Amino acid sequence: MTSQTNLETLQRARDYFNAGDIEQYITALYAPEAIGHFLPPGMPQGHTGLRVFYEAFHAGFPDAQLIIDDILSQGERMAIRFHLDMTHTGEFNGIPATNRRVSLPGITIFRFVDGKVAERWSESDFFGLMQQLGVIPTPA
């Protein structure tokens, strides 16, 4: 597949994510047996593990909007710098809703096969997110 096809897949998936349609987001973007190197240890891979991860995230931040800030693409690989703007209105990882408006920046690398993500590596500033939620104090 071409870089343009992969970009179109990502954009379509982003639209599903921003509409709150996690199932369509997962099936539009990821191959059924995709490897999510960002998933917590012990979590299953493929659509099963991705559903668990994204449904838990979406429960805490149902209005999350994915904004793609930069894209670099070459062949089967694509790197994006992104941020999520969202409100913490539900429980997230045991943290009760704070109703705080927060932003979560991150960087992801995708490996596409036949127009779907086969592997994903991702780093996001969850420490900063915990500070924004008031769980971890911010330095004075």
Protein backbone atom coordinates (compact mmCIF):
# COMPACT_ATOMS: atom_id res chain seq x y z
CA MET A 1 0.00 0.00 0.00
CA THR A 2 1.09 3.56 -0.56
CA SER A 3 1.82 6.22 2.02
CA GLN A 4 -1.28 8.05 0.74
CA THR A 5 -3.48 5.00 1.41
CA ASN A 6 -2.05 4.69 4.93
CA LEU A 7 -2.66 8.40 5.54
CA GLU A 8 -6.27 8.03 4.40
CA THR A 9 -6.71 5.06 6.76
CA LEU A 10 -5.33 7.12 9.66
CA GLN A 11 -7.56 10.10 8.88
CA ARG A 12 -10.68 7.92 8.63
CA ALA A 13 -9.81 6.23 11.93
CA ARG A 14 -9.19 9.61 13.60
CA ASP A 15 -12.66 10.74 12.53
CA TYR A 16 -14.19 7.64 14.16
CA PHE A 17 -12.17 8.24 17.34
CA ASN A 18 -13.27 11.87 17.52
CA ALA A 19 -16.89 10.80 17.05
CA GLY A 20 -16.53 8.42 20.02
CA ASP A 21 -16.92 5.30 17.86
CA ILE A 22 -14.14 3.18 19.38
CA GLU A 23 -15.14 -0.03 17.57
CA GLN A 24 -14.98 1.61 14.14
CA TYR A 25 -11.71 3.32 15.12
CA ILE A 26 -10.12 -0.02 15.99
CA THR A 27 -11.39 -1.92 12.95
CA ALA A 28 -10.60 0.91 10.52
CA LEU A 29 -7.02 1.37 11.74
CA TYR A 30 -5.73 -1.93 13.09
CA ALA A 31 -5.25 -5.37 11.56
CA PRO A 32 -7.08 -8.00 13.67
CA GLU A 33 -3.82 -9.38 15.11
CA ALA A 34 -2.04 -6.02 15.43
CA ILE A 35 0.72 -5.77 18.01
CA GLY A 36 0.36 -2.78 20.33
CA HIS A 37 3.77 -2.30 21.92
CA PHE A 38 2.15 0.42 24.06
CA LEU A 39 -0.38 -1.89 25.72
CA PRO A 40 0.19 -2.63 29.42
CA PRO A 41 2.00 -5.90 30.26
CA GLY A 42 -0.28 -8.91 30.32
CA MET A 43 -2.96 -7.31 28.16
CA PRO A 44 -3.92 -9.38 25.10
CA GLN A 45 -2.82 -8.16 21.69
CA GLY A 46 -4.93 -7.61 18.59
CA HIS A 47 -8.41 -6.17 18.54
CA THR A 48 -9.19 -7.79 21.91
CA GLY A 49 -6.51 -5.91 23.84
CA LEU A 50 -7.04 -2.71 21.88
CA ARG A 51 -10.75 -2.76 22.78
CA VAL A 52 -9.96 -3.14 26.49
CA PHE A 53 -7.43 -0.29 26.37
CA TYR A 54 -9.48 2.17 24.32
CA GLU A 55 -12.80 1.44 26.04
CA ALA A 56 -11.21 2.10 29.46
CA PHE A 57 -9.63 5.30 28.14
CA HIS A 58 -12.88 6.43 26.52
CA ALA A 59 -14.83 5.77 29.75
CA GLY A 60 -12.65 8.33 31.53
CA PHE A 61 -12.44 10.82 28.66
CA PRO A 62 -15.52 10.34 26.45
CA ASP A 63 -15.07 13.66 24.64
CA ALA A 64 -11.42 13.03 23.67
CA GLN A 65 -10.41 14.65 20.41
CA LEU A 66 -7.34 13.41 18.56
CA ILE A 67 -5.39 16.22 16.92
CA ILE A 68 -2.53 15.21 14.64
CA ASP A 69 0.21 17.82 14.79
CA ASP A 70 2.84 16.28 12.49
CA ILE A 71 3.07 13.29 10.15
CA LEU A 72 6.15 11.69 8.65
CA SER A 73 5.57 8.77 6.32
CA GLN A 74 7.84 6.54 4.31
CA GLY A 75 6.81 3.21 2.86
CA GLU A 76 5.10 1.02 5.44
CA ARG A 77 6.09 3.27 8.39
CA MET A 78 4.39 6.41 9.63
CA ALA A 79 5.30 8.58 12.62
CA ILE A 80 2.89 11.09 14.10
CA ARG A 81 3.10 13.70 16.80
CA PHE A 82 -0.33 14.18 18.30
CA HIS A 83 -2.25 15.44 21.28
CA LEU A 84 -5.59 14.60 22.79
CA ASP A 85 -7.80 17.38 24.15
CA MET A 86 -10.40 16.02 26.56
CA THR A 87 -12.36 16.34 29.78
CA HIS A 88 -12.01 13.83 32.64
CA THR A 89 -15.70 13.06 33.24
CA GLY A 90 -15.47 9.35 34.10
CA GLU A 91 -13.27 7.03 36.13
CA PHE A 92 -9.84 6.44 34.63
CA ASN A 93 -7.43 3.88 36.12
CA GLY A 94 -9.21 4.13 39.47
CA ILE A 95 -9.18 7.94 39.46
CA PRO A 96 -12.68 9.36 39.93
CA ALA A 97 -13.83 12.03 37.49
CA THR A 98 -12.30 15.44 38.17
CA ASN A 99 -14.15 17.28 35.37
CA ARG A 100 -10.83 18.89 34.48
CA ARG A 101 -10.02 19.81 30.91
CA VAL A 102 -6.67 18.21 30.02
CA SER A 103 -4.32 17.61 27.11
CA LEU A 104 -2.21 14.51 26.49
CA PRO A 105 0.66 14.82 23.98
CA GLY A 106 2.38 11.84 22.41
CA ILE A 107 4.34 10.36 19.55
CA THR A 108 3.43 7.16 17.70
CA ILE A 109 5.11 5.03 15.07
CA PHE A 110 2.92 2.75 12.96
CA ARG A 111 3.91 -0.12 10.69
CA PHE A 112 1.25 -0.69 8.06
CA VAL A 113 0.61 -3.91 6.14
CA ASP A 114 -2.06 -3.93 3.43
CA GLY A 115 -3.52 -0.60 4.60
CA LYS A 116 -3.89 -1.53 8.30
CA VAL A 117 -1.63 -1.06 11.30
CA ALA A 118 0.23 -4.30 12.05
CA GLU A 119 2.40 -2.79 14.81
CA ARG A 120 2.27 0.38 16.89
CA TRP A 121 4.79 1.93 19.24
CA SER A 122 3.62 4.91 21.26
CA GLU A 123 4.86 7.21 24.01
CA SER A 124 2.48 9.62 25.72
CA ASP A 125 2.95 11.98 28.66
CA PHE A 126 0.81 10.13 31.20
CA PHE A 127 2.90 11.65 34.03
CA GLY A 128 1.87 15.11 32.85
CA LEU A 129 -1.72 13.90 32.55
CA MET A 130 -1.65 12.75 36.19
CA GLN A 131 -0.36 16.22 37.17
CA GLN A 132 -3.19 17.87 35.22
CA LEU A 133 -5.69 15.63 37.01
CA GLY A 134 -4.22 16.61 40.38
CA VAL A 135 -3.11 13.06 41.24
CA ILE A 136 0.59 13.99 41.20
CA PRO A 137 1.62 17.41 42.48
CA THR A 138 3.21 19.80 40.03
CA PRO A 139 6.51 21.40 41.04
CA ALA A 140 6.21 24.82 42.69
